[in-house]
Amino acid sequence: MRQLFAHGWHGWVLVIAVMVGWDIGAIWAKGETITAWTRNAGTHPLGRWLLFAVFGYVLVHLLIPGTWPTYDPLDRLYALIRDAFRRAQR
């Protein structure tokens, strides 16, 4: 099990699974694909700001070197959630 999560590829598999699952679900339900949904969400001002924030968050996470974990927003969010659950379990 350790080898499964050792190299961090599980995150990419999850992203691909969500994208493919969304598109298959859209085809099955005759709805919007993820690209069309993103394009339509960008037309509304609130949706535009939400997309901008999410894309910026992911971009910063991808560009921060692995040697600076204290500046990585995803690592900081994970630590915050982990500590909150640990406090709740006590």
PDB file of N, CA and C in Angstrom:
ATOM      1  N   MET A   1       0.818  -1.182   0.000  1.00  0.00           N
ATOM      2  CA  MET A   1       0.000   0.000   0.000  1.00  0.00           C
ATOM      3  C   MET A   1       0.869   1.256   0.000  1.00  0.00           C
ATOM      4  N   ARG A   2       2.023   1.161   0.642  1.00  0.00           N
ATOM      5  CA  ARG A   2       2.904   2.321   0.694  1.00  0.00           C
ATOM      6  C   ARG A   2       3.385   2.713  -0.697  1.00  0.00           C
ATOM      7  N   GLN A   3       3.666   1.740  -1.551  1.00  0.00           N
ATOM      8  CA  GLN A   3       4.133   2.048  -2.908  1.00  0.00           C
ATOM      9  C   GLN A   3       3.045   2.740  -3.726  1.00  0.00           C
ATOM     10  N   LEU A   4       1.794   2.470  -3.408  1.00  0.00           N
ATOM     11  CA  LEU A   4       0.697   3.080  -4.140  1.00  0.00           C
ATOM     12  C   LEU A   4       0.703   4.602  -3.967  1.00  0.00           C
ATOM     13  N   PHE A   5       1.030   5.065  -2.774  1.00  0.00           N
ATOM     14  CA  PHE A   5       1.001   6.495  -2.497  1.00  0.00           C
ATOM     15  C   PHE A   5       2.388   7.120  -2.364  1.00  0.00           C
ATOM     16  N   ALA A   6       3.424   6.391  -2.662  1.00  0.00           N
ATOM     17  CA  ALA A   6       4.779   6.871  -2.421  1.00  0.00           C
ATOM     18  C   ALA A   6       5.211   7.971  -3.378  1.00  0.00           C
ATOM     19  N   HIS A   7       4.757   7.946  -4.600  1.00  0.00           N
ATOM     20  CA  HIS A   7       5.280   8.879  -5.589  1.00  0.00           C
ATOM     21  C   HIS A   7       4.308   9.982  -5.958  1.00  0.00           C
ATOM     22  N   GLY A   8       3.150  10.054  -5.341  1.00  0.00           N
ATOM     23  CA  GLY A   8       2.222  11.141  -5.555  1.00  0.00           C
ATOM     24  C   GLY A   8       1.430  11.067  -6.847  1.00  0.00           C
ATOM     25  N   TRP A   9       1.433   9.946  -7.530  1.00  0.00           N
ATOM     26  CA  TRP A   9       0.708   9.847  -8.786  1.00  0.00           C
ATOM     27  C   TRP A   9      -0.781   9.673  -8.564  1.00  0.00           C
ATOM     28  N   HIS A  10      -1.188   9.344  -7.339  1.00  0.00           N
ATOM     29  CA  HIS A  10      -2.609   9.122  -7.072  1.00  0.00           C
ATOM     30  C   HIS A  10      -3.433  10.390  -7.256  1.00  0.00           C
ATOM     31  N   GLY A  11      -2.835  11.551  -7.037  1.00  0.00           N
ATOM     32  CA  GLY A  11      -3.543  12.812  -7.258  1.00  0.00           C
ATOM     33  C   GLY A  11      -3.881  13.035  -8.718  1.00  0.00           C
ATOM     34  N   TRP A  12      -2.929  12.704  -9.591  1.00  0.00           N
ATOM     35  CA  TRP A  12      -3.174  12.853 -11.024  1.00  0.00           C
ATOM     36  C   TRP A  12      -4.226  11.864 -11.503  1.00  0.00           C
ATOM     37  N   VAL A  13      -4.210  10.654 -10.952  1.00  0.00           N
ATOM     38  CA  VAL A  13      -5.215   9.669 -11.319  1.00  0.00           C
ATOM     39  C   VAL A  13      -6.602  10.150 -10.883  1.00  0.00           C
ATOM     40  N   LEU A  14      -6.682  10.760  -9.707  1.00  0.00           N
ATOM     41  CA  LEU A  14      -7.948  11.285  -9.223  1.00  0.00           C
ATOM     42  C   LEU A  14      -8.460  12.419 -10.121  1.00  0.00           C
ATOM     43  N   VAL A  15      -7.580  13.324 -10.536  1.00  0.00           N
ATOM     44  CA  VAL A  15      -7.971  14.418 -11.420  1.00  0.00           C
ATOM     45  C   VAL A  15      -8.485  13.867 -12.750  1.00  0.00           C
ATOM     46  N   ILE A  16      -7.772  12.923 -13.327  1.00  0.00           N
ATOM     47  CA  ILE A  16      -8.198  12.329 -14.597  1.00  0.00           C
ATOM     48  C   ILE A  16      -9.528  11.594 -14.423  1.00  0.00           C
ATOM     49  N   ALA A  17      -9.682  10.893 -13.314  1.00  0.00           N
ATOM     50  CA  ALA A  17     -10.930  10.160 -13.075  1.00  0.00           C
ATOM     51  C   ALA A  17     -12.113  11.119 -12.948  1.00  0.00           C
ATOM     52  N   VAL A  18     -11.918  12.235 -12.273  1.00  0.00           N
ATOM     53  CA  VAL A  18     -13.003  13.215 -12.144  1.00  0.00           C
ATOM     54  C   VAL A  18     -13.362  13.798 -13.497  1.00  0.00           C
ATOM     55  N   MET A  19     -12.369  14.164 -14.283  1.00  0.00           N
ATOM     56  CA  MET A  19     -12.642  14.755 -15.593  1.00  0.00           C
ATOM     57  C   MET A  19     -13.335  13.761 -16.523  1.00  0.00           C
ATOM     58  N   VAL A  20     -12.831  12.535 -16.587  1.00  0.00           N
ATOM     59  CA  VAL A  20     -13.443  11.531 -17.450  1.00  0.00           C
ATOM     60  C   VAL A  20     -14.831  11.158 -16.933  1.00  0.00           C
ATOM     61  N   GLY A  21     -14.965  11.009 -15.635  1.00  0.00           N
ATOM     62  CA  GLY A  21     -16.270  10.697 -15.056  1.00  0.00           C
ATOM     63  C   GLY A  21     -17.295  11.791 -15.313  1.00  0.00           C
ATOM     64  N   TRP A  22     -16.860  13.049 -15.206  1.00  0.00           N
ATOM     65  CA  TRP A  22     -17.765  14.175 -15.473  1.00  0.00           C
ATOM     66  C   TRP A  22     -18.222  14.139 -16.929  1.00  0.00           C
ATOM     67  N   ASP A  23     -17.300  13.943 -17.843  1.00  0.00           N
ATOM     68  CA  ASP A  23     -17.656  13.920 -19.263  1.00  0.00           C
ATOM     69  C   ASP A  23     -18.534  12.722 -19.607  1.00  0.00           C
ATOM     70  N   ILE A  24     -18.266  11.561 -19.050  1.00  0.00           N
ATOM     71  CA  ILE A  24     -19.118  10.391 -19.298  1.00  0.00           C
ATOM     72  C   ILE A  24     -20.509  10.629 -18.722  1.00  0.00           C
ATOM     73  N   GLY A  25     -20.559  11.210 -17.526  1.00  0.00           N
ATOM     74  CA  GLY A  25     -21.858  11.545 -16.940  1.00  0.00           C
ATOM     75  C   GLY A  25     -22.615  12.565 -17.770  1.00  0.00           C
ATOM     76  N   ALA A  26     -21.915  13.523 -18.344  1.00  0.00           N
ATOM     77  CA  ALA A  26     -22.558  14.526 -19.189  1.00  0.00           C
ATOM     78  C   ALA A  26     -23.082  13.913 -20.477  1.00  0.00           C
ATOM     79  N   ILE A  27     -22.327  13.000 -21.046  1.00  0.00           N
ATOM     80  CA  ILE A  27     -22.791  12.325 -22.258  1.00  0.00           C
ATOM     81  C   ILE A  27     -24.012  11.460 -21.945  1.00  0.00           C
ATOM     82  N   TRP A  28     -23.953  10.762 -20.834  1.00  0.00           N
ATOM     83  CA  TRP A  28     -25.039   9.882 -20.446  1.00  0.00           C
ATOM     84  C   TRP A  28     -26.314  10.673 -20.136  1.00  0.00           C
ATOM     85  N   ALA A  29     -26.180  11.826 -19.468  1.00  0.00           N
ATOM     86  CA  ALA A  29     -27.332  12.637 -19.086  1.00  0.00           C
ATOM     87  C   ALA A  29     -27.655  13.717 -20.118  1.00  0.00           C
ATOM     88  N   LYS A  30     -26.941  13.722 -21.224  1.00  0.00           N
ATOM     89  CA  LYS A  30     -27.106  14.737 -22.267  1.00  0.00           C
ATOM     90  C   LYS A  30     -26.972  16.145 -21.691  1.00  0.00           C
ATOM     91  N   GLY A  31     -25.941  16.323 -20.859  1.00  0.00           N
ATOM     92  CA  GLY A  31     -25.688  17.604 -20.218  1.00  0.00           C
ATOM     93  C   GLY A  31     -24.445  18.261 -20.782  1.00  0.00           C
ATOM     94  N   GLU A  32     -23.853  19.131 -19.972  1.00  0.00           N
ATOM     95  CA  GLU A  32     -22.666  19.870 -20.396  1.00  0.00           C
ATOM     96  C   GLU A  32     -21.400  19.105 -20.063  1.00  0.00           C
ATOM     97  N   THR A  33     -20.438  19.189 -20.947  1.00  0.00           N
ATOM     98  CA  THR A  33     -19.126  18.644 -20.627  1.00  0.00           C
ATOM     99  C   THR A  33     -18.428  19.597 -19.672  1.00  0.00           C
ATOM    100  N   ILE A  34     -17.310  19.169 -19.103  1.00  0.00           N
ATOM    101  CA  ILE A  34     -16.603  20.007 -18.131  1.00  0.00           C
ATOM    102  C   ILE A  34     -16.062  21.278 -18.790  1.00  0.00           C
ATOM    103  N   THR A  35     -15.685  21.192 -20.056  1.00  0.00           N
ATOM    104  CA  THR A  35     -15.197  22.375 -20.762  1.00  0.00           C
ATOM    105  C   THR A  35     -16.319  23.376 -20.960  1.00  0.00           C
ATOM    106  N   ALA A  36     -17.492  22.916 -21.371  1.00  0.00           N
ATOM    107  CA  ALA A  36     -18.628  23.815 -21.565  1.00  0.00           C
ATOM    108  C   ALA A  36     -19.076  24.410 -20.238  1.00  0.00           C
ATOM    109  N   TRP A  37     -19.058  23.628 -19.173  1.00  0.00           N
ATOM    110  CA  TRP A  37     -19.445  24.131 -17.863  1.00  0.00           C
ATOM    111  C   TRP A  37     -18.493  25.233 -17.407  1.00  0.00           C
ATOM    112  N   THR A  38     -17.189  25.018 -17.587  1.00  0.00           N
ATOM    113  CA  THR A  38     -16.208  26.026 -17.195  1.00  0.00           C
ATOM    114  C   THR A  38     -16.374  27.290 -18.018  1.00  0.00           C
ATOM    115  N   ARG A  39     -16.609  27.137 -19.297  1.00  0.00           N
ATOM    116  CA  ARG A  39     -16.807  28.295 -20.162  1.00  0.00           C
ATOM    117  C   ARG A  39     -18.054  29.075 -19.737  1.00  0.00           C
ATOM    118  N   ASN A  40     -19.139  28.381 -19.404  1.00  0.00           N
ATOM    119  CA  ASN A  40     -20.364  29.055 -18.973  1.00  0.00           C
ATOM    120  C   ASN A  40     -20.225  29.663 -17.584  1.00  0.00           C
ATOM    121  N   ALA A  41     -19.466  29.038 -16.708  1.00  0.00           N
ATOM    122  CA  ALA A  41     -19.268  29.593 -15.366  1.00  0.00           C
ATOM    123  C   ALA A  41     -18.472  30.886 -15.421  1.00  0.00           C
ATOM    124  N   GLY A  42     -17.631  31.030 -16.444  1.00  0.00           N
ATOM    125  CA  GLY A  42     -16.838  32.246 -16.582  1.00  0.00           C
ATOM    126  C   GLY A  42     -17.627  33.443 -17.073  1.00  0.00           C
ATOM    127  N   THR A  43     -18.859  33.240 -17.509  1.00  0.00           N
ATOM    128  CA  THR A  43     -19.656  34.369 -17.993  1.00  0.00           C
ATOM    129  C   THR A  43     -20.325  35.124 -16.849  1.00  0.00           C
ATOM    130  N   HIS A  44     -20.526  34.486 -15.720  1.00  0.00           N
ATOM    131  CA  HIS A  44     -21.128  35.134 -14.554  1.00  0.00           C
ATOM    132  C   HIS A  44     -20.024  35.723 -13.690  1.00  0.00           C
ATOM    133  N   PRO A  45     -20.203  36.958 -13.171  1.00  0.00           N
ATOM    134  CA  PRO A  45     -19.114  37.583 -12.387  1.00  0.00           C
ATOM    135  C   PRO A  45     -18.680  36.762 -11.169  1.00  0.00           C
ATOM    136  N   LEU A  46     -19.625  36.203 -10.432  1.00  0.00           N
ATOM    137  CA  LEU A  46     -19.255  35.403  -9.260  1.00  0.00           C
ATOM    138  C   LEU A  46     -18.531  34.128  -9.678  1.00  0.00           C
ATOM    139  N   GLY A  47     -19.025  33.497 -10.742  1.00  0.00           N
ATOM    140  CA  GLY A  47     -18.359  32.303 -11.256  1.00  0.00           C
ATOM    141  C   GLY A  47     -16.964  32.607 -11.769  1.00  0.00           C
ATOM    142  N   ARG A  48     -16.802  33.778 -12.378  1.00  0.00           N
ATOM    143  CA  ARG A  48     -15.486  34.172 -12.887  1.00  0.00           C
ATOM    144  C   ARG A  48     -14.490  34.312 -11.740  1.00  0.00           C
ATOM    145  N   TRP A  49     -14.921  34.940 -10.636  1.00  0.00           N
ATOM    146  CA  TRP A  49     -14.024  35.093  -9.488  1.00  0.00           C
ATOM    147  C   TRP A  49     -13.721  33.757  -8.837  1.00  0.00           C
ATOM    148  N   LEU A  50     -14.718  32.879  -8.788  1.00  0.00           N
ATOM    149  CA  LEU A  50     -14.491  31.552  -8.212  1.00  0.00           C
ATOM    150  C   LEU A  50     -13.497  30.761  -9.052  1.00  0.00           C
ATOM    151  N   LEU A  51     -13.675  30.779 -10.376  1.00  0.00           N
ATOM    152  CA  LEU A  51     -12.732  30.090 -11.253  1.00  0.00           C
ATOM    153  C   LEU A  51     -11.338  30.686 -11.145  1.00  0.00           C
ATOM    154  N   PHE A  52     -11.258  32.004 -11.088  1.00  0.00           N
ATOM    155  CA  PHE A  52      -9.964  32.671 -10.950  1.00  0.00           C
ATOM    156  C   PHE A  52      -9.269  32.243  -9.661  1.00  0.00           C
ATOM    157  N   ALA A  53     -10.015  32.160  -8.560  1.00  0.00           N
ATOM    158  CA  ALA A  53      -9.431  31.764  -7.275  1.00  0.00           C
ATOM    159  C   ALA A  53      -8.961  30.315  -7.299  1.00  0.00           C
ATOM    160  N   VAL A  54      -9.775  29.427  -7.860  1.00  0.00           N
ATOM    161  CA  VAL A  54      -9.402  28.002  -7.911  1.00  0.00           C
ATOM    162  C   VAL A  54      -8.195  27.799  -8.814  1.00  0.00           C
ATOM    163  N   PHE A  55      -8.211  28.412 -10.005  1.00  0.00           N
ATOM    164  CA  PHE A  55      -7.070  28.271 -10.914  1.00  0.00           C
ATOM    165  C   PHE A  55      -5.804  28.864 -10.305  1.00  0.00           C
ATOM    166  N   GLY A  56      -5.918  30.005  -9.635  1.00  0.00           N
ATOM    167  CA  GLY A  56      -4.757  30.604  -8.984  1.00  0.00           C
ATOM    168  C   GLY A  56      -4.212  29.724  -7.870  1.00  0.00           C
ATOM    169  N   TYR A  57      -5.108  29.150  -7.085  1.00  0.00           N
ATOM    170  CA  TYR A  57      -4.718  28.266  -5.985  1.00  0.00           C
ATOM    171  C   TYR A  57      -3.949  27.058  -6.517  1.00  0.00           C
ATOM    172  N   VAL A  58      -4.492  26.437  -7.563  1.00  0.00           N
ATOM    173  CA  VAL A  58      -3.837  25.258  -8.147  1.00  0.00           C
ATOM    174  C   VAL A  58      -2.515  25.652  -8.803  1.00  0.00           C
ATOM    175  N   LEU A  59      -2.488  26.786  -9.476  1.00  0.00           N
ATOM    176  CA  LEU A  59      -1.266  27.239 -10.127  1.00  0.00           C
ATOM    177  C   LEU A  59      -0.153  27.482  -9.110  1.00  0.00           C
ATOM    178  N   VAL A  60      -0.481  28.146  -8.009  1.00  0.00           N
ATOM    179  CA  VAL A  60       0.530  28.385  -6.970  1.00  0.00           C
ATOM    180  C   VAL A  60       1.005  27.058  -6.399  1.00  0.00           C
ATOM    181  N   HIS A  61       0.075  26.123  -6.176  1.00  0.00           N
ATOM    182  CA  HIS A  61       0.463  24.815  -5.642  1.00  0.00           C
ATOM    183  C   HIS A  61       1.419  24.096  -6.593  1.00  0.00           C
ATOM    184  N   LEU A  62       1.164  24.170  -7.886  1.00  0.00           N
ATOM    185  CA  LEU A  62       1.997  23.457  -8.847  1.00  0.00           C
ATOM    186  C   LEU A  62       3.355  24.108  -9.043  1.00  0.00           C
ATOM    187  N   LEU A  63       3.466  25.416  -8.812  1.00  0.00           N
ATOM    188  CA  LEU A  63       4.722  26.115  -9.054  1.00  0.00           C
ATOM    189  C   LEU A  63       5.617  26.243  -7.828  1.00  0.00           C
ATOM    190  N   ILE A  64       5.102  25.950  -6.641  1.00  0.00           N
ATOM    191  CA  ILE A  64       5.919  26.015  -5.422  1.00  0.00           C
ATOM    192  C   ILE A  64       6.839  24.795  -5.401  1.00  0.00           C
ATOM    193  N   PRO A  65       8.135  25.005  -5.220  1.00  0.00           N
ATOM    194  CA  PRO A  65       9.038  23.848  -5.140  1.00  0.00           C
ATOM    195  C   PRO A  65       8.728  22.985  -3.920  1.00  0.00           C
ATOM    196  N   GLY A  66       9.018  21.707  -4.022  1.00  0.00           N
ATOM    197  CA  GLY A  66       8.754  20.780  -2.930  1.00  0.00           C
ATOM    198  C   GLY A  66       9.569  21.060  -1.679  1.00  0.00           C
ATOM    199  N   THR A  67      10.606  21.869  -1.806  1.00  0.00           N
ATOM    200  CA  THR A  67      11.429  22.197  -0.643  1.00  0.00           C
ATOM    201  C   THR A  67      10.825  23.328   0.184  1.00  0.00           C
ATOM    202  N   TRP A  68       9.723  23.931  -0.275  1.00  0.00           N
ATOM    203  CA  TRP A  68       9.070  25.025   0.462  1.00  0.00           C
ATOM    204  C   TRP A  68       7.663  24.628   0.886  1.00  0.00           C
ATOM    205  N   PRO A  69       7.503  23.570   1.669  1.00  0.00           N
ATOM    206  CA  PRO A  69       6.150  23.124   2.008  1.00  0.00           C
ATOM    207  C   PRO A  69       5.375  24.120   2.859  1.00  0.00           C
ATOM    208  N   THR A  70       6.062  25.001   3.571  1.00  0.00           N
ATOM    209  CA  THR A  70       5.339  25.965   4.398  1.00  0.00           C
ATOM    210  C   THR A  70       4.651  27.032   3.560  1.00  0.00           C
ATOM    211  N   TYR A  71       5.050  27.203   2.310  1.00  0.00           N
ATOM    212  CA  TYR A  71       4.421  28.195   1.440  1.00  0.00           C
ATOM    213  C   TYR A  71       3.387  27.595   0.496  1.00  0.00           C
ATOM    214  N   ASP A  72       3.313  26.288   0.437  1.00  0.00           N
ATOM    215  CA  ASP A  72       2.376  25.623  -0.459  1.00  0.00           C
ATOM    216  C   ASP A  72       0.967  25.723   0.123  1.00  0.00           C
ATOM    217  N   PRO A  73       0.024  26.353  -0.584  1.00  0.00           N
ATOM    218  CA  PRO A  73      -1.316  26.525  -0.011  1.00  0.00           C
ATOM    219  C   PRO A  73      -2.057  25.209   0.194  1.00  0.00           C
ATOM    220  N   LEU A  74      -1.830  24.223  -0.662  1.00  0.00           N
ATOM    221  CA  LEU A  74      -2.508  22.943  -0.503  1.00  0.00           C
ATOM    222  C   LEU A  74      -1.982  22.190   0.712  1.00  0.00           C
ATOM    223  N   ASP A  75      -0.677  22.231   0.933  1.00  0.00           N
ATOM    224  CA  ASP A  75      -0.107  21.590   2.118  1.00  0.00           C
ATOM    225  C   ASP A  75      -0.572  22.287   3.393  1.00  0.00           C
ATOM    226  N   ARG A  76      -0.666  23.599   3.355  1.00  0.00           N
ATOM    227  CA  ARG A  76      -1.134  24.342   4.530  1.00  0.00           C
ATOM    228  C   ARG A  76      -2.596  24.033   4.822  1.00  0.00           C
ATOM    229  N   LEU A  77      -3.426  23.925   3.779  1.00  0.00           N
ATOM    230  CA  LEU A  77      -4.829  23.587   3.971  1.00  0.00           C
ATOM    231  C   LEU A  77      -4.959  22.169   4.527  1.00  0.00           C
ATOM    232  N   TYR A  78      -4.161  21.245   4.003  1.00  0.00           N
ATOM    233  CA  TYR A  78      -4.188  19.872   4.507  1.00  0.00           C
ATOM    234  C   TYR A  78      -3.806  19.833   5.987  1.00  0.00           C
ATOM    235  N   ALA A  79      -2.771  20.574   6.370  1.00  0.00           N
ATOM    236  CA  ALA A  79      -2.340  20.601   7.769  1.00  0.00           C
ATOM    237  C   ALA A  79      -3.424  21.213   8.658  1.00  0.00           C
ATOM    238  N   LEU A  80      -4.093  22.243   8.177  1.00  0.00           N
ATOM    239  CA  LEU A  80      -5.165  22.884   8.940  1.00  0.00           C
ATOM    240  C   LEU A  80      -6.320  21.921   9.173  1.00  0.00           C
ATOM    241  N   ILE A  81      -6.724  21.205   8.122  1.00  0.00           N
ATOM    242  CA  ILE A  81      -7.825  20.246   8.254  1.00  0.00           C
ATOM    243  C   ILE A  81      -7.417  19.078   9.141  1.00  0.00           C
ATOM    244  N   ARG A  82      -6.195  18.582   8.970  1.00  0.00           N
ATOM    245  CA  ARG A  82      -5.709  17.467   9.790  1.00  0.00           C
ATOM    246  C   ARG A  82      -5.693  17.853  11.268  1.00  0.00           C
ATOM    247  N   ASP A  83      -5.195  19.046  11.584  1.00  0.00           N
ATOM    248  CA  ASP A  83      -5.143  19.484  12.980  1.00  0.00           C
ATOM    249  C   ASP A  83      -6.539  19.688  13.560  1.00  0.00           C
ATOM    250  N   ALA A  84      -7.467  20.185  12.734  1.00  0.00           N
ATOM    251  CA  ALA A  84      -8.837  20.372  13.214  1.00  0.00           C
ATOM    252  C   ALA A  84      -9.481  19.029  13.535  1.00  0.00           C
ATOM    253  N   PHE A  85      -9.266  18.023  12.717  1.00  0.00           N
ATOM    254  CA  PHE A  85      -9.820  16.694  13.004  1.00  0.00           C
ATOM    255  C   PHE A  85      -9.156  16.070  14.223  1.00  0.00           C
ATOM    256  N   ARG A  86      -7.881  16.288  14.398  1.00  0.00           N
ATOM    257  CA  ARG A  86      -7.205  15.741  15.586  1.00  0.00           C
ATOM    258  C   ARG A  86      -7.743  16.379  16.858  1.00  0.00           C
ATOM    259  N   ARG A  87      -7.991  17.697  16.806  1.00  0.00           N
ATOM    260  CA  ARG A  87      -8.548  18.375  17.975  1.00  0.00           C
ATOM    261  C   ARG A  87      -9.972  17.888  18.251  1.00  0.00           C
ATOM    262  N   ALA A  88     -10.732  17.622  17.212  1.00  0.00           N
ATOM    263  CA  ALA A  88     -12.121  17.166  17.385  1.00  0.00           C
ATOM    264  C   ALA A  88     -12.174  15.747  17.946  1.00  0.00           C
ATOM    265  N   GLN A  89     -11.159  14.935  17.689  1.00  0.00           N
ATOM    266  CA  GLN A  89     -11.157  13.561  18.157  1.00  0.00           C
ATOM    267  C   GLN A  89     -10.760  13.452  19.619  1.00  0.00           C
ATOM    268  N   ARG A  90     -10.189  14.481  20.157  1.00  0.00           N
ATOM    269  CA  ARG A  90      -9.757  14.430  21.575  1.00  0.00           C
ATOM    270  C   ARG A  90     -10.911  14.593  22.512  1.00  0.00           C
TER     271      ARG A  90
END
